[in-house]
Amino acid sequence: MADAKTFLRRLALFSVPAVVCLVVMIMIDPFNFFGVSHVVPDGLKSEVSQKINYAMWKMLAYRQDPVPNLLLGDSRVADLDEQYVEEISGVPWTNFGYGGGSLREAIQTFWFASEQVELERVCFGVNLHTYNANNNKDRVSEVEAALRNPLLYCVNANVVTAAGKLITAMIMGEPEPIGRPPMTREEFWEFQLEQVTRVYFEGYRYPTEYHRDLTEVAEYCLGHGIELSFVIMPNHVELQAKVGEHGLEEAAVQFRQDFIHWGPVYDFAFPNTMTGDQANYRDPYHFDEDFMQLIVRTVWGTERDFVRILEPEVAAAAAAGEDHAVQ
């Protein structure tokens, strides 16, 4: 009996830190998983937590306000202003663009959203470097695991990191910078153009799994009356030239041929006066506000000056032997 009491006392003693940590995590709740505490302002959480794990921030928010129209992709999609897209298209959208996002995450998020609401319109933002078997980052699975088991949320490394940064920000009065490294615009441009692009393109592999997964997405959309489209985001011409430098011209052609089987493709990634002007970009990958609005007015409006629209019918005609070139 004495041994049992000693064991229970020790168990209770060792449980205290775990209980305290659990209470702290529920109180801070960096990604609003529990939604019962408002100790930390949502504005501060958005500034800190979202940058630590975009997928977790946006997916957990979507549970509270599911919208049937989705924007899916990486940071270029994240740059599309939801309100402006709604203004031009006439319907509300949820922007599931994740900084540094992969196509794997976009596809997983599509299926996650399809379980929350009956989808109506879905638009994927894509580029050759995301249609790449070596670009397979996955932050979505840990969110889905946390939704199945809330304890996993409390011990998740990103959640713990975000909680620490939020506590520090509240003590210091402002959050520490997260994201872009301290460089001049010229230095950051060169860093993105050379080092980041090398990571994406040197080990490029044709994404057989992505092809299969997107085929399943397209079939699901067709069967459920969901409007599916794709936007090839407008890289600067210096970045477009890297495709040839890395010997990926055929991969770029195959990339476009694959996508036009699944839905209309709005292709902005070709040399023109918009993609050739550095003033329209923050770095070789990311366009400015004016270019963003042009994209929106093109995809959801009537502008057609700086886009090539590739329709599924082009692929069907090519299969029938007609002379339709995909550039």
Protein backbone atom coordinates (compact mmCIF):
# COMPACT_ATOMS: atom_id res chain seq x y z
CA MET A 1 0.00 0.00 0.00
CA ALA A 2 2.86 2.36 0.87
CA ASP A 3 4.50 1.68 -2.48
CA ALA A 4 1.23 2.45 -4.27
CA LYS A 5 0.84 5.76 -2.42
CA THR A 6 4.44 6.68 -3.18
CA PHE A 7 3.88 5.88 -6.86
CA LEU A 8 0.71 8.01 -6.98
CA ARG A 9 2.46 10.95 -5.27
CA ARG A 10 5.33 10.77 -7.72
CA LEU A 11 2.93 10.45 -10.64
CA ALA A 12 1.05 13.54 -9.46
CA LEU A 13 4.31 15.43 -8.98
CA PHE A 14 5.56 14.61 -12.46
CA SER A 15 2.14 15.40 -13.92
CA VAL A 16 2.19 18.97 -12.64
CA PRO A 17 4.56 20.32 -15.37
CA ALA A 18 2.54 18.58 -18.07
CA VAL A 19 -0.71 20.05 -16.75
CA VAL A 20 0.84 23.51 -16.48
CA CYS A 21 2.13 23.27 -20.07
CA LEU A 22 -1.28 22.13 -21.27
CA VAL A 23 -2.99 25.06 -19.55
CA VAL A 24 -0.47 27.50 -21.01
CA MET A 25 -0.96 26.10 -24.51
CA ILE A 26 -4.74 26.39 -24.18
CA MET A 27 -4.42 29.97 -22.89
CA ILE A 28 -1.97 31.10 -25.58
CA ASP A 29 -3.48 28.87 -28.32
CA PRO A 30 -1.26 30.28 -31.11
CA PHE A 31 -3.41 28.95 -33.97
CA ASN A 32 -6.85 29.28 -32.31
CA PHE A 33 -7.30 25.53 -32.20
CA PHE A 34 -9.41 25.56 -29.02
CA GLY A 35 -10.91 29.01 -29.48
CA VAL A 36 -11.67 29.54 -25.77
CA SER A 37 -8.98 32.04 -24.81
CA HIS A 38 -8.34 35.60 -25.97
CA VAL A 39 -5.27 36.34 -23.89
CA VAL A 40 -3.28 36.98 -27.08
CA PRO A 41 -4.89 39.33 -29.65
CA ASP A 42 -5.76 37.69 -32.97
CA GLY A 43 -3.83 40.38 -34.84
CA LEU A 44 -0.63 39.42 -33.05
CA LYS A 45 -1.32 35.72 -33.60
CA SER A 46 -1.82 36.35 -37.31
CA GLU A 47 1.46 38.26 -37.53
CA VAL A 48 3.46 35.57 -35.72
CA SER A 49 1.74 32.18 -35.93
CA GLN A 50 0.70 32.39 -39.57
CA LYS A 51 4.31 32.90 -40.68
CA ILE A 52 5.47 29.90 -38.67
CA ASN A 53 2.93 27.54 -40.23
CA TYR A 54 0.65 29.01 -42.91
CA ALA A 55 -1.21 25.73 -43.40
CA MET A 56 -2.11 25.35 -39.75
CA TRP A 57 -3.25 28.95 -39.45
CA LYS A 58 -5.46 28.91 -42.54
CA MET A 59 -6.85 25.40 -42.20
CA LEU A 60 -7.92 25.88 -38.60
CA ALA A 61 -9.54 29.21 -39.48
CA TYR A 62 -11.39 27.58 -42.38
CA ARG A 63 -13.22 25.24 -40.01
CA GLN A 64 -15.01 28.26 -38.55
CA ASP A 65 -15.90 29.89 -41.88
CA PRO A 66 -15.81 27.42 -44.79
CA VAL A 67 -16.23 29.09 -48.19
CA PRO A 68 -16.99 27.04 -51.34
CA ASN A 69 -14.46 28.84 -53.55
CA LEU A 70 -10.75 28.12 -53.08
CA LEU A 71 -7.43 29.64 -54.12
CA LEU A 72 -4.68 27.03 -53.68
CA GLY A 73 -0.92 27.33 -54.05
CA ASP A 74 2.20 28.96 -52.68
CA SER A 75 3.14 32.52 -51.71
CA ARG A 76 2.20 33.90 -55.14
CA VAL A 77 -1.36 32.72 -54.54
CA ALA A 78 -1.18 34.12 -51.02
CA ASP A 79 -0.46 37.50 -52.63
CA LEU A 80 -3.83 37.46 -54.42
CA ASP A 81 -6.14 39.78 -52.48
CA GLU A 82 -9.25 37.80 -51.47
CA GLN A 83 -11.37 40.95 -51.38
CA TYR A 84 -10.27 42.03 -54.84
CA VAL A 85 -10.92 38.55 -56.25
CA GLU A 86 -14.39 38.70 -54.72
CA GLU A 87 -14.95 42.19 -56.17
CA ILE A 88 -14.07 41.04 -59.70
CA SER A 89 -15.61 37.56 -59.58
CA GLY A 90 -18.71 38.43 -57.57
CA VAL A 91 -18.29 35.57 -55.06
CA PRO A 92 -16.25 35.15 -51.85
CA TRP A 93 -13.04 33.10 -51.86
CA THR A 94 -10.75 31.56 -49.26
CA ASN A 95 -7.07 32.03 -50.00
CA PHE A 96 -5.14 28.87 -49.15
CA GLY A 97 -1.84 30.19 -50.49
CA TYR A 98 1.00 29.02 -48.23
CA GLY A 99 4.39 30.71 -48.15
CA GLY A 100 6.90 28.19 -49.50
CA GLY A 101 3.98 25.92 -50.32
CA SER A 102 4.14 22.73 -52.34
CA LEU A 103 1.65 21.23 -54.76
CA ARG A 104 1.30 18.33 -52.33
CA GLU A 105 0.01 20.75 -49.70
CA ALA A 106 -2.38 22.38 -52.17
CA ILE A 107 -3.86 19.02 -53.18
CA GLN A 108 -4.19 17.88 -49.56
CA THR A 109 -5.88 21.17 -48.68
CA PHE A 110 -8.34 20.68 -51.54
CA TRP A 111 -9.46 17.37 -50.04
CA PHE A 112 -9.57 18.87 -46.54
CA ALA A 113 -11.83 21.69 -47.76
CA SER A 114 -14.05 19.27 -49.68
CA GLU A 115 -14.90 17.63 -46.35
CA GLN A 116 -15.98 20.96 -44.84
CA VAL A 117 -18.29 22.32 -47.55
CA GLU A 118 -19.64 21.54 -51.02
CA LEU A 119 -17.09 23.22 -53.24
CA GLU A 120 -18.07 25.33 -56.24
CA ARG A 121 -14.91 26.86 -57.70
CA VAL A 122 -11.26 25.89 -57.25
CA CYS A 123 -8.23 27.63 -58.69
CA PHE A 124 -4.68 26.29 -58.32
CA GLY A 125 -1.69 28.57 -58.75
CA VAL A 126 1.17 26.54 -60.27
CA ASN A 127 4.63 26.82 -61.81
CA LEU A 128 7.21 24.37 -63.11
CA HIS A 129 9.14 24.43 -59.85
CA THR A 130 6.02 23.38 -57.90
CA TYR A 131 5.14 20.67 -60.44
CA ASN A 132 8.24 18.84 -59.30
CA ALA A 133 8.56 15.54 -57.46
CA ASN A 134 11.37 16.96 -55.34
CA ASN A 135 9.18 19.81 -54.13
CA ASN A 136 7.07 17.83 -51.67
CA LYS A 137 6.87 19.80 -48.45
CA ASP A 138 3.98 18.67 -46.23
CA ARG A 139 2.65 20.86 -43.42
CA VAL A 140 -0.91 19.71 -43.92
CA SER A 141 -0.59 16.20 -42.48
CA GLU A 142 0.40 17.51 -39.05
CA VAL A 143 -2.68 19.77 -39.02
CA GLU A 144 -4.93 16.84 -39.87
CA ALA A 145 -3.23 14.75 -37.16
CA ALA A 146 -3.84 17.51 -34.61
CA LEU A 147 -7.51 17.67 -35.59
CA ARG A 148 -7.75 13.96 -34.85
CA ASN A 149 -5.87 14.28 -31.54
CA PRO A 150 -5.75 17.70 -29.80
CA LEU A 151 -2.85 16.58 -27.60
CA LEU A 152 -0.70 16.47 -30.73
CA TYR A 153 -1.51 20.14 -31.26
CA CYS A 154 -0.22 21.02 -27.79
CA VAL A 155 3.13 19.31 -28.35
CA ASN A 156 3.55 20.26 -32.02
CA ALA A 157 6.92 21.95 -32.58
CA ASN A 158 5.42 24.80 -34.60
CA VAL A 159 2.76 25.43 -31.96
CA VAL A 160 5.33 25.46 -29.16
CA THR A 161 7.59 27.79 -31.16
CA ALA A 162 4.71 30.14 -31.93
CA ALA A 163 3.63 30.16 -28.28
CA GLY A 164 7.13 31.12 -27.19
CA LYS A 165 7.34 33.93 -29.73
CA LEU A 166 3.90 35.23 -28.74
CA ILE A 167 4.80 35.29 -25.06
CA THR A 168 8.05 37.10 -25.89
CA ALA A 169 6.19 39.59 -28.11
CA MET A 170 3.71 40.39 -25.35
CA ILE A 171 6.54 40.94 -22.87
CA MET A 172 8.69 43.01 -25.25
CA GLY A 173 5.78 44.90 -26.77
CA GLU A 174 6.41 43.82 -30.37
CA PRO A 175 7.10 40.59 -32.28
CA GLU A 176 10.49 39.73 -33.67
CA PRO A 177 10.74 39.79 -37.50
CA ILE A 178 9.92 36.49 -39.20
CA GLY A 179 10.52 35.72 -42.85
CA ARG A 180 12.66 37.61 -45.34
CA PRO A 181 16.39 37.68 -44.51
CA PRO A 182 18.04 41.08 -43.93
CA MET A 183 19.21 41.97 -47.45
CA THR A 184 18.94 44.85 -49.87
CA ARG A 185 16.43 44.46 -52.70
CA GLU A 186 19.27 43.75 -55.14
CA GLU A 187 20.85 41.15 -52.85
CA PHE A 188 17.52 39.43 -52.23
CA TRP A 189 16.74 39.42 -55.96
CA GLU A 190 20.04 37.67 -56.68
CA PHE A 191 19.55 35.26 -53.79
CA GLN A 192 16.13 34.21 -55.07
CA LEU A 193 17.22 34.04 -58.70
CA GLU A 194 20.34 31.96 -58.13
CA GLN A 195 20.26 30.04 -54.87
CA VAL A 196 16.54 29.41 -54.44
CA THR A 197 16.04 28.54 -58.11
CA ARG A 198 19.00 26.14 -58.03
CA VAL A 199 17.34 24.22 -55.18
CA TYR A 200 14.17 23.82 -57.22
CA PHE A 201 15.62 23.11 -60.66
CA GLU A 202 18.89 21.18 -60.18
CA GLY A 203 17.11 18.12 -58.84
CA TYR A 204 13.93 18.43 -60.88
CA ARG A 205 12.05 15.15 -61.37
CA TYR A 206 8.83 14.59 -63.27
CA PRO A 207 6.03 14.40 -60.65
CA THR A 208 4.25 11.15 -61.45
CA GLU A 209 2.37 11.23 -58.15
CA TYR A 210 1.24 14.82 -58.66
CA HIS A 211 -0.05 13.88 -62.11
CA ARG A 212 -2.06 11.04 -60.60
CA ASP A 213 -3.33 13.17 -57.71
CA LEU A 214 -4.38 16.07 -59.93
CA THR A 215 -6.17 13.65 -62.23
CA GLU A 216 -8.16 12.50 -59.21
CA VAL A 217 -8.89 16.11 -58.26
CA ALA A 218 -10.07 16.88 -61.81
CA GLU A 219 -12.28 13.79 -61.90
CA TYR A 220 -13.80 14.71 -58.55
CA CYS A 221 -14.48 18.28 -59.72
CA LEU A 222 -16.07 17.02 -62.94
CA GLY A 223 -18.26 14.59 -61.03
CA HIS A 224 -19.37 17.20 -58.48
CA GLY A 225 -19.89 20.17 -60.77
CA ILE A 226 -16.90 22.10 -59.40
CA GLU A 227 -15.31 24.68 -61.68
CA LEU A 228 -11.57 23.90 -61.80
CA SER A 229 -8.91 26.19 -63.25
CA PHE A 230 -5.17 26.80 -63.05
CA VAL A 231 -2.96 29.89 -63.12
CA ILE A 232 0.69 29.66 -64.15
CA MET A 233 2.07 32.54 -62.12
CA PRO A 234 4.15 35.24 -63.87
CA ASN A 235 7.82 34.83 -63.00
CA HIS A 236 10.20 37.56 -64.12
CA VAL A 237 11.94 36.84 -67.45
CA GLU A 238 15.28 36.30 -65.69
CA LEU A 239 13.70 33.46 -63.77
CA GLN A 240 11.99 32.13 -66.91
CA ALA A 241 15.44 31.94 -68.54
CA LYS A 242 16.61 29.58 -65.77
CA VAL A 243 14.36 26.87 -67.23
CA GLY A 244 16.60 26.70 -70.30
CA GLU A 245 19.81 27.09 -68.30
CA HIS A 246 18.88 23.98 -66.32
CA GLY A 247 17.87 22.03 -69.43
CA LEU A 248 14.18 21.88 -68.51
CA GLU A 249 12.62 23.10 -71.76
CA GLU A 250 10.92 19.76 -72.43
CA ALA A 251 9.75 19.58 -68.82
CA ALA A 252 8.17 23.03 -69.21
CA VAL A 253 6.30 21.89 -72.33
CA GLN A 254 5.12 18.68 -70.62
CA PHE A 255 4.04 20.72 -67.60
CA ARG A 256 1.64 22.75 -69.73
CA GLN A 257 0.43 19.76 -71.72
CA ASP A 258 -0.45 17.96 -68.49
CA PHE A 259 -2.45 20.81 -67.01
CA ILE A 260 -4.62 21.54 -70.03
CA HIS A 261 -6.14 18.07 -69.64
CA TRP A 262 -7.57 19.08 -66.27
CA GLY A 263 -9.03 22.52 -66.91
CA PRO A 264 -8.42 25.94 -68.42
CA VAL A 265 -4.93 27.28 -67.77
CA TYR A 266 -4.16 30.99 -67.51
CA ASP A 267 -0.49 31.17 -68.44
CA PHE A 268 1.29 34.38 -67.39
CA ALA A 269 4.83 32.91 -67.43
CA PHE A 270 6.15 34.06 -70.80
CA PRO A 271 8.24 37.03 -71.96
CA ASN A 272 6.27 40.26 -72.35
CA THR A 273 6.46 43.86 -71.17
CA MET A 274 4.98 42.97 -67.77
CA THR A 275 7.22 40.01 -66.96
CA GLY A 276 10.24 41.83 -68.39
CA ASP A 277 10.03 44.85 -66.09
CA GLN A 278 11.68 44.50 -62.66
CA ALA A 279 9.52 47.37 -61.41
CA ASN A 280 6.57 44.95 -61.50
CA TYR A 281 8.25 42.56 -59.04
CA ARG A 282 9.47 42.45 -55.45
CA ASP A 283 11.81 39.60 -56.44
CA PRO A 284 11.95 37.25 -59.47
CA TYR A 285 9.13 35.11 -58.07
CA HIS A 286 6.80 37.70 -56.55
CA PHE A 287 4.86 40.36 -58.43
CA ASP A 288 3.73 43.73 -57.05
CA GLU A 289 0.25 44.97 -56.20
CA ASP A 290 -0.54 46.33 -59.68
CA PHE A 291 0.46 43.07 -61.37
CA MET A 292 -1.62 41.16 -58.82
CA GLN A 293 -4.67 43.18 -59.76
CA LEU A 294 -3.99 42.57 -63.46
CA ILE A 295 -3.92 38.81 -62.81
CA VAL A 296 -7.23 38.98 -60.98
CA ARG A 297 -8.88 41.10 -63.68
CA THR A 298 -7.66 38.57 -66.25
CA VAL A 299 -8.61 35.31 -64.54
CA TRP A 300 -11.94 36.52 -63.14
CA GLY A 301 -12.57 39.45 -65.49
CA THR A 302 -12.18 40.29 -69.15
CA GLU A 303 -8.58 41.52 -69.58
CA ARG A 304 -6.50 39.42 -71.96
CA ASP A 305 -3.38 41.44 -72.83
CA PHE A 306 -0.72 39.53 -70.88
CA VAL A 307 -1.99 35.97 -70.74
CA ARG A 308 -2.12 32.81 -72.85
CA ILE A 309 -5.29 30.84 -72.11
CA LEU A 310 -4.79 27.13 -72.71
CA GLU A 311 -8.07 25.24 -72.87
CA PRO A 312 -8.65 21.48 -72.43
CA GLU A 313 -9.92 21.38 -76.01
CA VAL A 314 -6.38 22.11 -77.21
CA ALA A 315 -5.20 18.78 -75.84
CA ALA A 316 -8.15 16.94 -77.39
CA ALA A 317 -7.44 18.53 -80.77
CA ALA A 318 -3.77 17.61 -80.52
CA ALA A 319 -4.67 14.01 -79.73
CA ALA A 320 -6.85 14.00 -82.86
CA GLY A 321 -3.88 15.07 -84.95
CA GLU A 322 -4.83 18.70 -85.47
CA ASP A 323 -2.10 21.32 -85.64
CA HIS A 324 -2.37 23.14 -82.29
CA ALA A 325 0.96 23.98 -80.69
CA VAL A 326 1.26 24.32 -76.93
CA GLN A 327 3.95 26.91 -76.23
